[in-house]
Amino acid sequence: MDEDDDDDYAYESTGNLWADIGRPDAAELHARSQLMRHVTLILRERGLTQVRAAKLLGTTQPVVSDLMNGKLQKFSIERLFSFLEALGHDVEIVVHPRKEMKRVSLRKVTVARRSA
């Protein structure tokens, strides 16, 4: 078997890129990336400039630039929660037992449907 034969295989994703590449902090990175995604989607939907977004979020334009450019390492979960709250969104944390077959812990971020 040739060393390059491994390139011919595809592996099923866990749904968490960070877990797939073996990061020990995969659950936290996944949660932060999902929170960041929601914040940036809301800002884009509102069509805010970075300066206006910064004022709304209580931060500076360079911080909003880092946010919009996906610089994940610069944002804690708590800070992303505060941005969502500043944008008029509530954040809920749900705790439940892990499913038996799951090897990787899960921190999942979802968007609630808007009521009429």
N, C-alpha and C. Protein backbone atom coordinates (compact mmCIF):
# COMPACT_ATOMS: atom_id res chain seq x y z
N MET A 1 0.84 -1.18 0.00
CA MET A 1 0.00 0.00 0.00
C MET A 1 0.89 1.25 0.00
N ASP A 2 0.59 2.15 -0.85
CA ASP A 2 1.34 3.38 -1.05
C ASP A 2 0.97 4.39 0.05
N GLU A 3 1.91 5.22 0.48
CA GLU A 3 1.63 6.24 1.49
C GLU A 3 0.56 7.22 1.01
N ASP A 4 0.50 7.47 -0.29
CA ASP A 4 -0.46 8.42 -0.83
C ASP A 4 -1.86 7.85 -0.92
N ASP A 5 -2.05 6.55 -0.63
CA ASP A 5 -3.38 5.94 -0.72
C ASP A 5 -4.36 6.58 0.26
N ASP A 6 -3.88 7.12 1.37
CA ASP A 6 -4.76 7.75 2.35
C ASP A 6 -5.49 8.95 1.75
N ASP A 7 -4.93 9.57 0.71
CA ASP A 7 -5.56 10.72 0.08
C ASP A 7 -6.85 10.34 -0.63
N ASP A 8 -7.08 9.06 -0.86
CA ASP A 8 -8.25 8.62 -1.60
C ASP A 8 -9.46 8.39 -0.70
N TYR A 9 -9.32 8.56 0.60
CA TYR A 9 -10.40 8.30 1.53
C TYR A 9 -11.06 9.58 1.98
N ALA A 10 -12.36 9.50 2.17
CA ALA A 10 -13.11 10.61 2.74
C ALA A 10 -13.59 10.17 4.11
N TYR A 11 -13.62 11.09 5.04
CA TYR A 11 -14.06 10.78 6.39
C TYR A 11 -15.31 11.59 6.68
N GLU A 12 -16.26 10.96 7.37
CA GLU A 12 -17.49 11.64 7.72
C GLU A 12 -17.20 12.65 8.82
N SER A 13 -17.72 13.84 8.65
CA SER A 13 -17.52 14.90 9.63
C SER A 13 -18.42 14.69 10.84
N THR A 14 -17.96 15.15 11.98
CA THR A 14 -18.78 15.15 13.19
C THR A 14 -19.75 16.32 13.18
N GLY A 15 -19.56 17.24 12.25
CA GLY A 15 -20.33 18.48 12.25
C GLY A 15 -19.59 19.59 12.98
N ASN A 16 -18.45 19.24 13.55
CA ASN A 16 -17.62 20.20 14.27
C ASN A 16 -16.21 20.10 13.69
N LEU A 17 -15.86 21.07 12.89
CA LEU A 17 -14.54 21.10 12.25
C LEU A 17 -13.42 20.93 13.27
N TRP A 18 -13.55 21.60 14.40
CA TRP A 18 -12.51 21.59 15.42
C TRP A 18 -12.32 20.17 15.98
N ALA A 19 -13.40 19.43 16.17
CA ALA A 19 -13.30 18.04 16.63
C ALA A 19 -12.68 17.19 15.54
N ASP A 20 -13.05 17.45 14.30
CA ASP A 20 -12.53 16.67 13.17
C ASP A 20 -11.01 16.78 13.06
N ILE A 21 -10.47 17.93 13.42
CA ILE A 21 -9.01 18.10 13.32
C ILE A 21 -8.31 17.80 14.64
N GLY A 22 -9.09 17.36 15.65
CA GLY A 22 -8.50 16.89 16.90
C GLY A 22 -8.19 17.94 17.94
N ARG A 23 -8.83 19.11 17.87
CA ARG A 23 -8.58 20.14 18.88
C ARG A 23 -9.22 19.74 20.21
N PRO A 24 -8.49 19.82 21.32
CA PRO A 24 -9.05 19.45 22.62
C PRO A 24 -10.15 20.41 23.08
N ASP A 25 -10.14 21.64 22.57
CA ASP A 25 -11.14 22.65 22.93
C ASP A 25 -12.20 22.79 21.84
N ALA A 26 -12.48 21.69 21.15
CA ALA A 26 -13.37 21.70 19.98
C ALA A 26 -14.77 22.22 20.30
N ALA A 27 -15.33 21.81 21.42
CA ALA A 27 -16.70 22.22 21.75
C ALA A 27 -16.79 23.73 21.92
N GLU A 28 -15.82 24.31 22.63
CA GLU A 28 -15.83 25.76 22.84
C GLU A 28 -15.61 26.51 21.52
N LEU A 29 -14.66 26.07 20.73
CA LEU A 29 -14.40 26.73 19.45
C LEU A 29 -15.62 26.66 18.53
N HIS A 30 -16.29 25.53 18.53
CA HIS A 30 -17.49 25.39 17.70
C HIS A 30 -18.58 26.35 18.18
N ALA A 31 -18.79 26.42 19.48
CA ALA A 31 -19.81 27.32 20.02
C ALA A 31 -19.48 28.78 19.69
N ARG A 32 -18.22 29.16 19.90
CA ARG A 32 -17.83 30.54 19.59
C ARG A 32 -17.99 30.86 18.11
N SER A 33 -17.63 29.92 17.24
CA SER A 33 -17.76 30.19 15.80
C SER A 33 -19.23 30.33 15.41
N GLN A 34 -20.10 29.55 16.02
CA GLN A 34 -21.52 29.66 15.71
C GLN A 34 -22.10 30.98 16.24
N LEU A 35 -21.71 31.37 17.44
CA LEU A 35 -22.16 32.66 17.98
C LEU A 35 -21.68 33.81 17.11
N MET A 36 -20.41 33.74 16.70
CA MET A 36 -19.85 34.78 15.84
C MET A 36 -20.63 34.85 14.53
N ARG A 37 -20.95 33.70 13.98
CA ARG A 37 -21.71 33.65 12.74
C ARG A 37 -23.06 34.36 12.90
N HIS A 38 -23.74 34.11 14.01
CA HIS A 38 -25.04 34.74 14.23
C HIS A 38 -24.91 36.26 14.37
N VAL A 39 -23.92 36.71 15.11
CA VAL A 39 -23.71 38.16 15.27
C VAL A 39 -23.45 38.80 13.91
N THR A 40 -22.55 38.23 13.12
CA THR A 40 -22.22 38.84 11.84
C THR A 40 -23.40 38.80 10.87
N LEU A 41 -24.19 37.74 10.92
CA LEU A 41 -25.39 37.68 10.06
C LEU A 41 -26.37 38.79 10.41
N ILE A 42 -26.58 39.01 11.70
CA ILE A 42 -27.50 40.07 12.14
C ILE A 42 -26.99 41.42 11.68
N LEU A 43 -25.70 41.68 11.86
CA LEU A 43 -25.14 42.96 11.44
C LEU A 43 -25.28 43.16 9.94
N ARG A 44 -25.02 42.11 9.17
CA ARG A 44 -25.16 42.21 7.70
C ARG A 44 -26.61 42.44 7.30
N GLU A 45 -27.54 41.72 7.95
CA GLU A 45 -28.97 41.90 7.65
C GLU A 45 -29.41 43.32 7.89
N ARG A 46 -28.87 43.94 8.91
CA ARG A 46 -29.24 45.32 9.25
C ARG A 46 -28.52 46.35 8.39
N GLY A 47 -27.52 45.92 7.64
CA GLY A 47 -26.80 46.82 6.75
C GLY A 47 -26.04 47.92 7.46
N LEU A 48 -25.56 47.62 8.65
CA LEU A 48 -24.86 48.63 9.44
C LEU A 48 -23.41 48.80 8.97
N THR A 49 -22.94 50.03 9.01
CA THR A 49 -21.51 50.24 8.80
C THR A 49 -20.81 49.71 10.04
N GLN A 50 -19.50 49.49 9.94
CA GLN A 50 -18.75 49.02 11.10
C GLN A 50 -18.74 50.05 12.22
N VAL A 51 -18.75 51.31 11.88
CA VAL A 51 -18.77 52.37 12.89
C VAL A 51 -20.10 52.35 13.65
N ARG A 52 -21.22 52.23 12.92
CA ARG A 52 -22.54 52.18 13.57
C ARG A 52 -22.70 50.90 14.37
N ALA A 53 -22.19 49.79 13.83
CA ALA A 53 -22.26 48.52 14.54
C ALA A 53 -21.46 48.60 15.84
N ALA A 54 -20.29 49.22 15.79
CA ALA A 54 -19.45 49.36 16.98
C ALA A 54 -20.17 50.14 18.07
N LYS A 55 -20.83 51.22 17.67
CA LYS A 55 -21.57 52.03 18.63
C LYS A 55 -22.69 51.20 19.27
N LEU A 56 -23.41 50.46 18.48
CA LEU A 56 -24.50 49.62 18.97
C LEU A 56 -23.99 48.52 19.90
N LEU A 57 -22.84 47.94 19.57
CA LEU A 57 -22.28 46.85 20.37
C LEU A 57 -21.46 47.33 21.56
N GLY A 58 -21.22 48.64 21.64
CA GLY A 58 -20.44 49.18 22.74
C GLY A 58 -18.96 48.87 22.63
N THR A 59 -18.46 48.91 21.40
CA THR A 59 -17.05 48.60 21.17
C THR A 59 -16.49 49.55 20.12
N THR A 60 -15.39 49.20 19.51
CA THR A 60 -14.75 50.06 18.51
C THR A 60 -14.86 49.44 17.11
N GLN A 61 -14.63 50.27 16.10
CA GLN A 61 -14.69 49.79 14.71
C GLN A 61 -13.66 48.69 14.45
N PRO A 62 -12.42 48.80 14.94
CA PRO A 62 -11.47 47.70 14.69
C PRO A 62 -11.95 46.36 15.28
N VAL A 63 -12.63 46.40 16.40
CA VAL A 63 -13.17 45.17 16.99
C VAL A 63 -14.25 44.59 16.08
N VAL A 64 -15.11 45.44 15.54
CA VAL A 64 -16.14 44.97 14.61
C VAL A 64 -15.49 44.41 13.35
N SER A 65 -14.43 45.02 12.89
CA SER A 65 -13.70 44.50 11.74
C SER A 65 -13.18 43.09 12.02
N ASP A 66 -12.58 42.90 13.21
CA ASP A 66 -12.11 41.57 13.59
C ASP A 66 -13.26 40.57 13.63
N LEU A 67 -14.38 41.00 14.16
CA LEU A 67 -15.58 40.15 14.23
C LEU A 67 -16.04 39.75 12.83
N MET A 68 -16.17 40.72 11.95
CA MET A 68 -16.66 40.48 10.60
C MET A 68 -15.69 39.64 9.77
N ASN A 69 -14.41 39.69 10.14
CA ASN A 69 -13.39 38.92 9.44
C ASN A 69 -13.11 37.57 10.09
N GLY A 70 -13.95 37.20 11.06
CA GLY A 70 -13.87 35.87 11.65
C GLY A 70 -12.66 35.60 12.52
N LYS A 71 -12.12 36.60 13.16
CA LYS A 71 -10.95 36.40 14.03
C LYS A 71 -11.42 35.84 15.38
N LEU A 72 -11.73 34.58 15.35
CA LEU A 72 -12.36 33.87 16.46
C LEU A 72 -11.58 33.98 17.77
N GLN A 73 -10.26 33.92 17.69
CA GLN A 73 -9.42 33.93 18.89
C GLN A 73 -9.58 35.20 19.71
N LYS A 74 -10.13 36.25 19.12
CA LYS A 74 -10.24 37.53 19.81
C LYS A 74 -11.54 37.68 20.61
N PHE A 75 -12.43 36.67 20.55
CA PHE A 75 -13.74 36.82 21.16
C PHE A 75 -14.09 35.65 22.06
N SER A 76 -14.43 35.97 23.30
CA SER A 76 -14.88 34.95 24.26
C SER A 76 -16.38 34.70 24.03
N ILE A 77 -16.84 33.59 24.56
CA ILE A 77 -18.27 33.30 24.50
C ILE A 77 -19.06 34.41 25.17
N GLU A 78 -18.59 34.87 26.32
CA GLU A 78 -19.29 35.92 27.06
C GLU A 78 -19.40 37.21 26.25
N ARG A 79 -18.34 37.56 25.55
CA ARG A 79 -18.37 38.79 24.76
C ARG A 79 -19.35 38.65 23.60
N LEU A 80 -19.37 37.48 22.97
CA LEU A 80 -20.32 37.25 21.88
C LEU A 80 -21.75 37.26 22.40
N PHE A 81 -21.98 36.73 23.61
CA PHE A 81 -23.31 36.81 24.24
C PHE A 81 -23.70 38.28 24.39
N SER A 82 -22.78 39.10 24.88
CA SER A 82 -23.10 40.52 25.10
C SER A 82 -23.42 41.22 23.78
N PHE A 83 -22.74 40.85 22.70
CA PHE A 83 -23.06 41.43 21.39
C PHE A 83 -24.47 41.04 20.96
N LEU A 84 -24.83 39.78 21.14
CA LEU A 84 -26.17 39.33 20.76
C LEU A 84 -27.23 40.05 21.59
N GLU A 85 -26.96 40.22 22.88
CA GLU A 85 -27.90 40.94 23.74
C GLU A 85 -28.04 42.40 23.30
N ALA A 86 -26.93 43.03 22.93
CA ALA A 86 -26.96 44.42 22.44
C ALA A 86 -27.76 44.53 21.15
N LEU A 87 -27.82 43.44 20.39
CA LEU A 87 -28.58 43.41 19.14
C LEU A 87 -30.03 43.01 19.36
N GLY A 88 -30.44 42.90 20.63
CA GLY A 88 -31.83 42.61 20.95
C GLY A 88 -32.19 41.13 20.92
N HIS A 89 -31.21 40.29 21.13
CA HIS A 89 -31.46 38.84 21.14
C HIS A 89 -31.18 38.29 22.53
N ASP A 90 -32.01 37.33 22.95
CA ASP A 90 -31.77 36.61 24.20
C ASP A 90 -30.90 35.41 23.89
N VAL A 91 -30.12 35.00 24.87
CA VAL A 91 -29.26 33.83 24.74
C VAL A 91 -29.68 32.84 25.82
N GLU A 92 -29.94 31.60 25.43
CA GLU A 92 -30.31 30.56 26.38
C GLU A 92 -29.27 29.45 26.33
N ILE A 93 -28.99 28.89 27.48
CA ILE A 93 -28.07 27.75 27.57
C ILE A 93 -28.90 26.56 28.04
N VAL A 94 -28.81 25.46 27.31
CA VAL A 94 -29.55 24.25 27.65
C VAL A 94 -28.55 23.17 28.03
N VAL A 95 -28.78 22.54 29.17
CA VAL A 95 -27.90 21.47 29.64
C VAL A 95 -28.70 20.17 29.65
N HIS A 96 -28.12 19.12 29.05
CA HIS A 96 -28.76 17.81 29.07
C HIS A 96 -27.69 16.74 29.03
N PRO A 97 -28.04 15.51 29.46
CA PRO A 97 -27.04 14.44 29.43
C PRO A 97 -26.58 14.16 28.01
N ARG A 98 -25.30 13.81 27.88
CA ARG A 98 -24.72 13.46 26.59
C ARG A 98 -25.29 12.12 26.14
N LYS A 99 -25.55 11.99 24.86
CA LYS A 99 -26.02 10.73 24.30
C LYS A 99 -24.93 9.69 24.43
N GLU A 100 -25.28 8.45 24.68
CA GLU A 100 -24.32 7.38 24.95
C GLU A 100 -23.23 7.25 23.90
N MET A 101 -23.57 7.33 22.63
CA MET A 101 -22.62 7.07 21.56
C MET A 101 -21.74 8.27 21.22
N LYS A 102 -22.01 9.44 21.79
CA LYS A 102 -21.22 10.62 21.45
C LYS A 102 -19.89 10.60 22.18
N ARG A 103 -18.82 10.77 21.44
CA ARG A 103 -17.48 10.82 22.02
C ARG A 103 -17.06 12.25 22.30
N VAL A 104 -17.61 13.20 21.56
CA VAL A 104 -17.20 14.60 21.67
C VAL A 104 -18.33 15.37 22.34
N SER A 105 -17.98 16.20 23.32
CA SER A 105 -19.01 17.02 23.95
C SER A 105 -19.52 18.05 22.94
N LEU A 106 -20.72 18.51 23.16
CA LEU A 106 -21.38 19.38 22.20
C LEU A 106 -21.76 20.69 22.85
N ARG A 107 -21.44 21.76 22.18
CA ARG A 107 -21.96 23.07 22.54
C ARG A 107 -22.60 23.58 21.28
N LYS A 108 -23.90 23.62 21.28
CA LYS A 108 -24.67 23.88 20.06
C LYS A 108 -25.33 25.25 20.16
N VAL A 109 -25.30 25.97 19.08
CA VAL A 109 -25.94 27.27 19.00
C VAL A 109 -27.02 27.18 17.93
N THR A 110 -28.23 27.54 18.30
CA THR A 110 -29.33 27.55 17.34
C THR A 110 -30.05 28.89 17.40
N VAL A 111 -30.81 29.17 16.37
CA VAL A 111 -31.60 30.39 16.33
C VAL A 111 -33.06 30.00 16.51
N ALA A 112 -33.72 30.63 17.47
CA ALA A 112 -35.13 30.37 17.71
C ALA A 112 -35.95 30.99 16.59
N ARG A 113 -37.02 30.33 16.25
CA ARG A 113 -37.93 30.88 15.25
C ARG A 113 -38.62 32.10 15.82
N ARG A 114 -38.82 33.07 14.98
CA ARG A 114 -39.52 34.29 15.42
C ARG A 114 -41.01 34.01 15.47
N SER A 115 -41.64 34.46 16.56
CA SER A 115 -43.09 34.28 16.66
C SER A 115 -43.78 35.41 15.93
N ALA A 116 -44.98 35.12 15.48
CA ALA A 116 -45.74 36.11 14.71
C ALA A 116 -46.30 37.21 15.55
